[in-house]
Protein backbone atom coordinates (compact mmCIF):
# COMPACT_ATOMS: atom_id res chain seq x y z
CA MET A 1 -46.42 -35.95 12.83
CA SER A 2 -48.63 -36.68 9.76
CA GLY A 3 -51.51 -34.50 8.60
CA THR A 4 -54.04 -37.30 8.62
CA CYS A 5 -56.09 -38.90 11.30
CA CYS A 6 -55.51 -42.39 12.68
CA CYS A 7 -57.11 -44.09 9.62
CA GLY A 8 -55.19 -42.07 7.10
CA TRP A 9 -58.20 -41.32 4.96
CA CYS A 10 -59.21 -37.81 6.31
CA PRO A 11 -57.26 -34.68 7.39
CA LEU A 12 -56.45 -34.30 11.06
CA GLY A 13 -58.81 -31.35 11.41
CA LYS A 14 -61.85 -33.32 9.90
CA GLY A 15 -60.95 -36.19 12.26
CA THR A 16 -61.01 -33.90 15.20
CA LEU A 17 -64.28 -32.33 14.15
CA ALA A 18 -65.89 -35.91 13.72
CA ILE A 19 -64.64 -36.99 17.17
CA GLY A 20 -65.88 -33.69 18.80
CA ILE A 21 -69.36 -33.96 17.19
CA PHE A 22 -69.60 -37.67 18.16
CA TYR A 23 -68.67 -36.85 21.74
CA ILE A 24 -71.14 -33.90 21.83
CA ILE A 25 -73.89 -36.28 20.87
CA VAL A 26 -72.99 -39.06 23.36
CA HIS A 27 -72.51 -36.65 26.26
CA PHE A 28 -75.67 -34.70 25.52
CA HIS A 29 -77.66 -37.93 25.50
CA SER A 30 -75.91 -39.03 28.83
CA ILE A 31 -76.95 -35.67 30.49
CA VAL A 32 -80.51 -35.91 29.24
CA GLU A 33 -80.77 -39.53 30.27
CA ASN A 34 -79.37 -38.97 33.75
CA GLY A 35 -81.44 -35.69 34.19
CA THR A 36 -84.56 -37.56 33.39
CA LYS A 37 -83.76 -40.28 35.95
CA ILE A 38 -82.94 -37.54 38.54
CA ILE A 39 -86.35 -35.96 38.00
CA SER A 40 -88.05 -39.37 38.23
CA LEU A 41 -86.21 -40.19 41.49
CA ILE A 42 -87.11 -36.84 43.07
CA GLY A 43 -90.69 -37.67 42.43
CA THR A 44 -90.27 -41.13 43.96
CA ILE A 45 -88.57 -39.66 46.91
CA TYR A 46 -91.34 -37.11 47.38
CA TYR A 47 -94.15 -39.58 46.83
CA SER A 48 -92.69 -42.05 49.35
CA ASN A 49 -92.22 -39.39 52.01
CA ALA A 50 -95.75 -38.01 51.33
CA GLN A 51 -97.62 -41.48 51.40
CA PRO A 52 -95.74 -44.19 53.31
CA ALA A 53 -96.58 -47.78 52.40
CA LEU A 54 -98.50 -49.76 55.03
CA ASN A 55 -96.82 -53.20 54.50
CA SER A 56 -93.19 -52.14 54.05
CA PRO A 57 -91.02 -49.75 56.06
CA GLN A 58 -90.88 -46.21 54.70
CA GLY A 59 -87.11 -46.04 54.63
CA ASP A 60 -86.50 -48.84 52.02
CA THR A 61 -87.99 -47.06 49.03
CA ALA A 62 -86.87 -43.61 50.03
CA SER A 63 -83.26 -44.65 50.97
CA SER A 64 -82.87 -46.72 47.75
CA ALA A 65 -84.15 -43.73 45.63
CA LYS A 66 -81.78 -41.40 47.52
CA GLU A 67 -78.82 -43.63 46.73
CA GLN A 68 -79.75 -43.77 43.05
CA LEU A 69 -80.26 -39.98 43.09
CA ALA A 70 -76.75 -39.52 44.40
CA GLN A 71 -75.34 -41.86 41.75
CA HIS A 72 -77.03 -40.01 38.90
CA LEU A 73 -75.92 -36.63 40.27
CA VAL A 74 -72.34 -37.94 40.43
CA LEU A 75 -72.63 -39.23 36.80
CA ILE A 76 -74.01 -35.96 35.45
CA ILE A 77 -71.11 -33.84 36.58
CA PRO A 78 -68.43 -35.59 34.41
CA GLY A 79 -70.96 -35.62 31.56
CA VAL A 80 -71.23 -31.81 31.71
CA VAL A 81 -67.52 -31.36 31.91
CA SER A 82 -66.90 -33.74 28.96
CA LEU A 83 -69.63 -31.95 26.91
CA ILE A 84 -67.93 -28.54 27.47
CA LEU A 85 -64.57 -30.02 26.58
CA SER A 86 -66.07 -31.50 23.34
CA CYS A 87 -67.57 -28.13 22.46
CA VAL A 88 -64.13 -26.48 22.93
CA MET A 89 -62.65 -29.17 20.66
CA VAL A 90 -65.10 -28.36 17.85
CA HIS A 91 -64.69 -24.62 18.56
CA GLY A 92 -60.87 -25.10 18.21
CA TYR A 93 -61.31 -26.69 14.77
CA ARG A 94 -63.64 -23.87 13.64
CA MET A 95 -61.24 -21.22 14.70
CA LYS A 96 -58.44 -23.05 12.96
CA SER A 97 -60.40 -23.21 9.77
CA MET A 98 -61.01 -19.53 9.70
């Protein structure tokens, strides 16, 4: 096994660090985005239950928002796990450097 990353222009440790930092940024953004949508959907569900629309059935908006809420809750779990694993990867590089 060579001591360079896939491109061959940087050491393996620096490549691992770059990939780890990139993944931390991506997964942190994913968690924030899904968390924002979850908060918005909770407000939508609360508002649709508090004040039902006169012309449309109450279940349409609330059930659609509940389905989207479930989807975003499912998406946030792997994002958190991936963020933790990315942090462990960066921490492993830092411990190897010491």
